[in-house]
Amino acid sequence: MPITPTLHFNGQCEEAIALYTQAFDLRTNYILHYSDADKRDWDIPFTSEQLSYVYHSEAYIGEQRLMLADELELQSAGSRSFFLTVTFEAEAQVKLAYEVLTREGSILQPLRSTTYSSCMASVIDKFEFRWGLMTEQA
């Protein structure tokens, strides 16, 4: 059974997709907006702004599938107790993702070398999602 991480946003999903494309070379398979959804999927009225929000999208970081969407009925927020770790092949990739995600985010653990990784860091991006960034080389 595949487990697919799903990230929910408050009207900023397309902005997050753009950020994650810079940080992780995210490949988006498709983006479905609320305006594209079957009206039977929701029985709530939409504002014109909400119709442009992302109803469902699927993307990949490497071979890992992600789903991303905008939440309409609940306030979504990232969790600091749960995070996704992205393992890169090279330190330069870790450093690029770190630079991109910390522009408007925050640093939990700065870039450093550890027993298990030649380059690792932990950050919270501007959408309040926590990311572990690392290489497997020790």
N, C-alpha and C. Protein backbone atom coordinates (compact mmCIF):
# COMPACT_ATOMS: atom_id res chain seq x y z
N MET A 1 0.83 -1.17 0.00
CA MET A 1 0.00 0.00 0.00
C MET A 1 0.88 1.24 0.00
N PRO A 2 0.81 2.04 -1.04
CA PRO A 2 1.59 3.27 -1.05
C PRO A 2 1.06 4.28 -0.03
N ILE A 3 1.97 5.00 0.56
CA ILE A 3 1.62 6.12 1.43
C ILE A 3 2.02 7.38 0.66
N THR A 4 1.05 8.26 0.45
CA THR A 4 1.30 9.47 -0.32
C THR A 4 1.15 10.69 0.58
N PRO A 5 2.24 11.37 0.89
CA PRO A 5 2.12 12.61 1.67
C PRO A 5 1.24 13.61 0.93
N THR A 6 0.34 14.25 1.67
CA THR A 6 -0.57 15.24 1.10
C THR A 6 -0.43 16.53 1.89
N LEU A 7 -0.11 17.60 1.21
CA LEU A 7 0.11 18.90 1.84
C LEU A 7 -1.07 19.82 1.50
N HIS A 8 -1.66 20.42 2.52
CA HIS A 8 -2.79 21.33 2.32
C HIS A 8 -2.37 22.76 2.65
N PHE A 9 -2.89 23.69 1.87
CA PHE A 9 -2.53 25.09 1.98
C PHE A 9 -3.79 25.93 2.10
N ASN A 10 -3.60 27.18 2.45
CA ASN A 10 -4.70 28.14 2.59
C ASN A 10 -4.71 29.10 1.41
N GLY A 11 -4.99 28.57 0.22
CA GLY A 11 -5.02 29.42 -0.96
C GLY A 11 -3.67 29.70 -1.57
N GLN A 12 -2.62 29.03 -1.09
CA GLN A 12 -1.26 29.28 -1.57
C GLN A 12 -0.64 28.07 -2.25
N CYS A 13 -1.46 27.11 -2.65
CA CYS A 13 -0.92 25.87 -3.20
C CYS A 13 -0.07 26.10 -4.44
N GLU A 14 -0.52 26.91 -5.36
CA GLU A 14 0.28 27.13 -6.58
C GLU A 14 1.59 27.84 -6.26
N GLU A 15 1.57 28.73 -5.28
CA GLU A 15 2.81 29.37 -4.83
C GLU A 15 3.76 28.33 -4.23
N ALA A 16 3.20 27.40 -3.46
CA ALA A 16 4.02 26.34 -2.87
C ALA A 16 4.59 25.43 -3.95
N ILE A 17 3.80 25.11 -4.95
CA ILE A 17 4.29 24.28 -6.06
C ILE A 17 5.48 24.97 -6.73
N ALA A 18 5.40 26.27 -6.94
CA ALA A 18 6.51 27.01 -7.55
C ALA A 18 7.75 26.97 -6.66
N LEU A 19 7.55 27.14 -5.34
CA LEU A 19 8.68 27.10 -4.41
C LEU A 19 9.33 25.72 -4.39
N TYR A 20 8.51 24.67 -4.33
CA TYR A 20 9.05 23.32 -4.27
C TYR A 20 9.68 22.90 -5.60
N THR A 21 9.24 23.50 -6.69
CA THR A 21 9.89 23.25 -7.97
C THR A 21 11.32 23.80 -7.93
N GLN A 22 11.51 24.97 -7.33
CA GLN A 22 12.86 25.54 -7.18
C GLN A 22 13.70 24.71 -6.22
N ALA A 23 13.12 24.33 -5.09
CA ALA A 23 13.88 23.66 -4.04
C ALA A 23 14.18 22.20 -4.36
N PHE A 24 13.22 21.50 -4.95
CA PHE A 24 13.32 20.04 -5.10
C PHE A 24 13.20 19.55 -6.53
N ASP A 25 13.12 20.46 -7.49
CA ASP A 25 12.86 20.07 -8.87
C ASP A 25 11.55 19.27 -8.95
N LEU A 26 10.53 19.75 -8.23
CA LEU A 26 9.22 19.12 -8.21
C LEU A 26 8.68 19.01 -9.62
N ARG A 27 8.18 17.83 -9.96
CA ARG A 27 7.55 17.61 -11.27
C ARG A 27 6.05 17.45 -11.04
N THR A 28 5.27 18.36 -11.56
CA THR A 28 3.82 18.33 -11.37
C THR A 28 3.16 17.59 -12.53
N ASN A 29 2.41 16.54 -12.21
CA ASN A 29 1.68 15.80 -13.24
C ASN A 29 0.46 16.56 -13.71
N TYR A 30 -0.31 17.08 -12.76
CA TYR A 30 -1.46 17.89 -13.13
C TYR A 30 -1.95 18.71 -11.95
N ILE A 31 -2.69 19.75 -12.29
CA ILE A 31 -3.31 20.62 -11.29
C ILE A 31 -4.78 20.77 -11.68
N LEU A 32 -5.66 20.44 -10.75
CA LEU A 32 -7.10 20.58 -10.93
C LEU A 32 -7.57 21.68 -10.00
N HIS A 33 -8.25 22.67 -10.52
CA HIS A 33 -8.76 23.77 -9.70
C HIS A 33 -10.20 23.49 -9.28
N TYR A 34 -10.66 24.19 -8.27
CA TYR A 34 -12.05 24.02 -7.83
C TYR A 34 -13.01 24.33 -8.97
N SER A 35 -12.67 25.25 -9.85
CA SER A 35 -13.53 25.57 -10.99
C SER A 35 -13.65 24.39 -11.95
N ASP A 36 -12.69 23.47 -11.92
CA ASP A 36 -12.70 22.29 -12.79
C ASP A 36 -13.44 21.11 -12.18
N ALA A 37 -13.70 21.17 -10.89
CA ALA A 37 -14.29 20.03 -10.18
C ALA A 37 -15.77 19.88 -10.48
N ASP A 38 -16.23 18.66 -10.41
CA ASP A 38 -17.65 18.38 -10.56
C ASP A 38 -18.39 19.07 -9.42
N LYS A 39 -19.44 19.78 -9.73
CA LYS A 39 -20.18 20.53 -8.72
C LYS A 39 -20.73 19.63 -7.61
N ARG A 40 -20.89 18.34 -7.88
CA ARG A 40 -21.39 17.41 -6.85
C ARG A 40 -20.33 17.08 -5.81
N ASP A 41 -19.06 17.42 -6.07
CA ASP A 41 -17.99 17.15 -5.10
C ASP A 41 -18.13 18.00 -3.84
N TRP A 42 -18.73 19.18 -3.99
CA TRP A 42 -18.85 20.11 -2.87
C TRP A 42 -20.24 20.71 -2.86
N ASP A 43 -20.83 20.86 -1.70
CA ASP A 43 -22.14 21.49 -1.61
C ASP A 43 -22.04 22.82 -0.85
N ILE A 44 -20.97 23.53 -1.10
CA ILE A 44 -20.78 24.85 -0.50
C ILE A 44 -20.62 25.87 -1.62
N PRO A 45 -21.01 27.10 -1.38
CA PRO A 45 -20.79 28.14 -2.40
C PRO A 45 -19.32 28.55 -2.41
N PHE A 46 -18.81 28.85 -3.59
CA PHE A 46 -17.43 29.28 -3.75
C PHE A 46 -17.38 30.76 -4.10
N THR A 47 -16.36 31.43 -3.57
CA THR A 47 -16.08 32.78 -4.04
C THR A 47 -15.31 32.64 -5.36
N SER A 48 -15.22 33.71 -6.11
CA SER A 48 -14.46 33.65 -7.36
C SER A 48 -13.00 33.33 -7.08
N GLU A 49 -12.49 33.83 -5.96
CA GLU A 49 -11.10 33.53 -5.59
C GLU A 49 -10.93 32.04 -5.30
N GLN A 50 -11.86 31.46 -4.55
CA GLN A 50 -11.77 30.04 -4.22
C GLN A 50 -11.85 29.15 -5.45
N LEU A 51 -12.58 29.56 -6.46
CA LEU A 51 -12.67 28.77 -7.68
C LEU A 51 -11.31 28.61 -8.35
N SER A 52 -10.39 29.54 -8.11
CA SER A 52 -9.05 29.46 -8.70
C SER A 52 -8.09 28.65 -7.84
N TYR A 53 -8.50 28.28 -6.64
CA TYR A 53 -7.65 27.49 -5.75
C TYR A 53 -7.47 26.07 -6.30
N VAL A 54 -6.41 25.42 -5.83
CA VAL A 54 -6.11 24.05 -6.27
C VAL A 54 -6.98 23.06 -5.50
N TYR A 55 -7.78 22.32 -6.24
CA TYR A 55 -8.65 21.29 -5.67
C TYR A 55 -7.85 20.02 -5.43
N HIS A 56 -7.00 19.65 -6.40
CA HIS A 56 -6.16 18.45 -6.28
C HIS A 56 -5.01 18.58 -7.27
N SER A 57 -3.82 18.27 -6.80
CA SER A 57 -2.67 18.20 -7.71
C SER A 57 -1.80 17.03 -7.28
N GLU A 58 -1.09 16.50 -8.25
CA GLU A 58 -0.15 15.41 -7.99
C GLU A 58 1.20 15.78 -8.58
N ALA A 59 2.23 15.48 -7.80
CA ALA A 59 3.58 15.85 -8.21
C ALA A 59 4.57 14.83 -7.65
N TYR A 60 5.80 14.96 -8.09
CA TYR A 60 6.88 14.06 -7.64
C TYR A 60 8.11 14.86 -7.25
N ILE A 61 8.71 14.43 -6.15
CA ILE A 61 10.07 14.81 -5.79
C ILE A 61 10.86 13.52 -5.97
N GLY A 62 11.73 13.50 -6.98
CA GLY A 62 12.38 12.24 -7.32
C GLY A 62 11.31 11.24 -7.71
N GLU A 63 11.29 10.08 -7.04
CA GLU A 63 10.28 9.06 -7.31
C GLU A 63 9.14 9.09 -6.30
N GLN A 64 9.18 10.03 -5.35
CA GLN A 64 8.15 10.11 -4.30
C GLN A 64 6.97 10.95 -4.77
N ARG A 65 5.82 10.34 -4.77
CA ARG A 65 4.59 11.03 -5.16
C ARG A 65 4.07 11.86 -3.98
N LEU A 66 3.61 13.08 -4.30
CA LEU A 66 2.98 13.98 -3.33
C LEU A 66 1.64 14.42 -3.90
N MET A 67 0.73 14.74 -3.01
CA MET A 67 -0.49 15.43 -3.41
C MET A 67 -0.50 16.77 -2.69
N LEU A 68 -0.99 17.80 -3.38
CA LEU A 68 -1.04 19.15 -2.82
C LEU A 68 -2.39 19.75 -3.17
N ALA A 69 -2.96 20.52 -2.24
CA ALA A 69 -4.27 21.13 -2.48
C ALA A 69 -4.47 22.31 -1.54
N ASP A 70 -5.44 23.14 -1.90
CA ASP A 70 -5.87 24.22 -1.02
C ASP A 70 -7.07 23.74 -0.21
N GLU A 71 -7.06 24.05 1.05
CA GLU A 71 -8.14 23.69 1.98
C GLU A 71 -9.14 24.83 2.02
N LEU A 72 -10.41 24.52 1.92
CA LEU A 72 -11.44 25.56 1.94
C LEU A 72 -12.16 25.67 3.28
N GLU A 73 -12.48 24.55 3.88
CA GLU A 73 -13.35 24.58 5.05
C GLU A 73 -12.61 24.63 6.38
N LEU A 74 -11.37 24.24 6.38
CA LEU A 74 -10.59 24.21 7.62
C LEU A 74 -9.34 25.05 7.45
N GLN A 75 -8.88 25.62 8.52
CA GLN A 75 -7.60 26.31 8.48
C GLN A 75 -6.51 25.24 8.59
N SER A 76 -5.68 25.13 7.58
CA SER A 76 -4.61 24.14 7.64
C SER A 76 -3.33 24.84 8.06
N ALA A 77 -2.49 24.11 8.73
CA ALA A 77 -1.19 24.62 9.14
C ALA A 77 -0.21 23.47 9.17
N GLY A 78 1.01 23.78 8.91
CA GLY A 78 2.04 22.76 8.96
C GLY A 78 2.22 22.25 10.39
N SER A 79 2.87 21.12 10.50
CA SER A 79 3.11 20.53 11.80
C SER A 79 4.60 20.46 12.05
N ARG A 80 5.00 20.84 13.23
CA ARG A 80 6.43 20.76 13.55
C ARG A 80 6.82 19.39 14.09
N SER A 81 5.83 18.56 14.41
CA SER A 81 6.15 17.23 14.90
C SER A 81 6.24 16.22 13.76
N PHE A 82 5.69 16.55 12.61
CA PHE A 82 5.77 15.69 11.43
C PHE A 82 6.53 16.45 10.36
N PHE A 83 7.44 15.77 9.69
CA PHE A 83 8.15 16.44 8.60
C PHE A 83 8.57 15.44 7.55
N LEU A 84 8.86 15.97 6.40
CA LEU A 84 9.32 15.17 5.28
C LEU A 84 10.82 15.37 5.12
N THR A 85 11.53 14.28 4.93
CA THR A 85 12.97 14.36 4.69
C THR A 85 13.24 14.04 3.24
N VAL A 86 13.97 14.91 2.58
CA VAL A 86 14.37 14.72 1.20
C VAL A 86 15.86 14.40 1.20
N THR A 87 16.21 13.27 0.62
CA THR A 87 17.61 12.84 0.56
C THR A 87 18.14 13.12 -0.85
N PHE A 88 19.15 13.96 -0.91
CA PHE A 88 19.74 14.38 -2.18
C PHE A 88 21.00 13.58 -2.46
N GLU A 89 21.41 13.62 -3.71
CA GLU A 89 22.64 12.93 -4.10
C GLU A 89 23.88 13.76 -3.80
N ALA A 90 23.74 15.08 -3.80
CA ALA A 90 24.92 15.95 -3.66
C ALA A 90 24.66 17.09 -2.68
N GLU A 91 25.72 17.53 -2.02
CA GLU A 91 25.63 18.64 -1.07
C GLU A 91 25.10 19.90 -1.73
N ALA A 92 25.46 20.16 -2.98
CA ALA A 92 25.00 21.36 -3.67
C ALA A 92 23.48 21.39 -3.75
N GLN A 93 22.85 20.24 -3.92
CA GLN A 93 21.39 20.17 -3.97
C GLN A 93 20.78 20.50 -2.62
N VAL A 94 21.40 20.00 -1.55
CA VAL A 94 20.93 20.31 -0.19
C VAL A 94 21.01 21.81 0.04
N LYS A 95 22.15 22.39 -0.33
CA LYS A 95 22.36 23.82 -0.10
C LYS A 95 21.39 24.67 -0.89
N LEU A 96 21.05 24.27 -2.12
CA LEU A 96 20.09 25.01 -2.93
C LEU A 96 18.70 24.95 -2.28
N ALA A 97 18.26 23.76 -1.89
CA ALA A 97 16.95 23.62 -1.25
C ALA A 97 16.90 24.42 0.05
N TYR A 98 17.96 24.38 0.81
CA TYR A 98 18.06 25.13 2.07
C TYR A 98 17.90 26.63 1.81
N GLU A 99 18.62 27.13 0.81
CA GLU A 99 18.56 28.56 0.49
C GLU A 99 17.16 28.95 0.05
N VAL A 100 16.53 28.15 -0.79
CA VAL A 100 15.18 28.45 -1.29
C VAL A 100 14.15 28.42 -0.16
N LEU A 101 14.18 27.39 0.66
CA LEU A 101 13.15 27.21 1.70
C LEU A 101 13.30 28.17 2.87
N THR A 102 14.52 28.65 3.12
CA THR A 102 14.71 29.55 4.27
C THR A 102 14.55 31.03 3.92
N ARG A 103 14.34 31.36 2.66
CA ARG A 103 14.14 32.76 2.27
C ARG A 103 13.07 33.43 3.10
N GLU A 104 11.93 32.80 3.23
CA GLU A 104 10.85 33.32 4.05
C GLU A 104 10.46 32.33 5.13
N GLY A 105 11.28 31.31 5.32
CA GLY A 105 11.04 30.29 6.33
C GLY A 105 11.95 30.49 7.52
N SER A 106 12.13 29.42 8.28
CA SER A 106 13.01 29.51 9.45
C SER A 106 13.89 28.26 9.52
N ILE A 107 14.97 28.40 10.25
CA ILE A 107 15.97 27.33 10.38
C ILE A 107 15.81 26.66 11.73
N LEU A 108 15.64 25.35 11.71
CA LEU A 108 15.62 24.58 12.96
C LEU A 108 17.02 24.05 13.26
N GLN A 109 17.65 23.48 12.24
CA GLN A 109 19.03 23.00 12.35
C GLN A 109 19.77 23.53 11.12
N PRO A 110 20.81 24.33 11.33
CA PRO A 110 21.53 24.89 10.18
C PRO A 110 22.30 23.80 9.42
N LEU A 111 22.73 24.15 8.22
CA LEU A 111 23.55 23.23 7.43
C LEU A 111 24.74 22.76 8.24
N ARG A 112 24.99 21.47 8.21
CA ARG A 112 26.14 20.93 8.93
C ARG A 112 26.40 19.50 8.49
N SER A 113 27.51 18.99 8.91
CA SER A 113 27.88 17.60 8.68
C SER A 113 27.61 16.83 9.97
N THR A 114 27.11 15.60 9.83
CA THR A 114 26.84 14.76 11.00
C THR A 114 27.43 13.38 10.78
N THR A 115 27.27 12.52 11.76
CA THR A 115 27.74 11.14 11.67
C THR A 115 27.10 10.42 10.49
N TYR A 116 25.83 10.74 10.19
CA TYR A 116 25.10 10.02 9.14
C TYR A 116 24.96 10.78 7.83
N SER A 117 25.38 12.04 7.79
CA SER A 117 25.21 12.83 6.57
C SER A 117 26.32 13.86 6.43
N SER A 118 26.87 13.96 5.24
CA SER A 118 27.91 14.97 5.00
C SER A 118 27.32 16.37 4.94
N CYS A 119 26.01 16.46 4.71
CA CYS A 119 25.35 17.76 4.64
C CYS A 119 23.87 17.57 4.98
N MET A 120 23.45 18.19 6.07
CA MET A 120 22.05 18.09 6.47
C MET A 120 21.59 19.38 7.11
N ALA A 121 20.25 19.55 7.13
CA ALA A 121 19.63 20.70 7.78
C ALA A 121 18.17 20.38 8.01
N SER A 122 17.55 21.16 8.87
CA SER A 122 16.12 21.05 9.11
C SER A 122 15.54 22.46 9.09
N VAL A 123 14.48 22.64 8.28
CA VAL A 123 13.91 23.98 8.10
C VAL A 123 12.38 23.91 8.14
N ILE A 124 11.79 25.08 8.37
CA ILE A 124 10.34 25.23 8.23
C ILE A 124 10.13 26.25 7.13
N ASP A 125 9.39 25.88 6.10
CA ASP A 125 9.19 26.80 4.98
C ASP A 125 8.12 27.85 5.30
N LYS A 126 7.90 28.76 4.40
CA LYS A 126 6.97 29.86 4.61
C LYS A 126 5.53 29.41 4.79
N PHE A 127 5.24 28.16 4.42
CA PHE A 127 3.89 27.60 4.57
C PHE A 127 3.75 26.79 5.85
N GLU A 128 4.80 26.81 6.69
CA GLU A 128 4.87 26.15 7.99
C GLU A 128 5.04 24.63 7.90
N PHE A 129 5.55 24.15 6.78
CA PHE A 129 5.88 22.73 6.67
C PHE A 129 7.35 22.53 7.02
N ARG A 130 7.62 21.49 7.76
CA ARG A 130 8.98 21.17 8.20
C ARG A 130 9.61 20.19 7.22
N TRP A 131 10.85 20.48 6.85
CA TRP A 131 11.60 19.65 5.90
C TRP A 131 12.95 19.27 6.48
N GLY A 132 13.31 18.02 6.34
CA GLY A 132 14.67 17.56 6.59
C GLY A 132 15.36 17.50 5.24
N LEU A 133 16.56 18.02 5.16
CA LEU A 133 17.33 18.04 3.91
C LEU A 133 18.65 17.35 4.19
N MET A 134 19.04 16.38 3.36
CA MET A 134 20.28 15.67 3.67
C MET A 134 20.83 14.91 2.47
N THR A 135 22.11 14.55 2.61
CA THR A 135 22.73 13.56 1.73
C THR A 135 22.92 12.32 2.61
N GLU A 136 23.08 11.18 1.96
CA GLU A 136 23.34 9.97 2.75
C GLU A 136 24.82 9.74 2.98
N GLN A 137 25.66 10.46 2.29
CA GLN A 137 27.10 10.29 2.47
C GLN A 137 27.52 10.79 3.83
N ALA A 138 28.28 9.97 4.53
CA ALA A 138 28.78 10.37 5.86
C ALA A 138 30.18 10.91 5.73
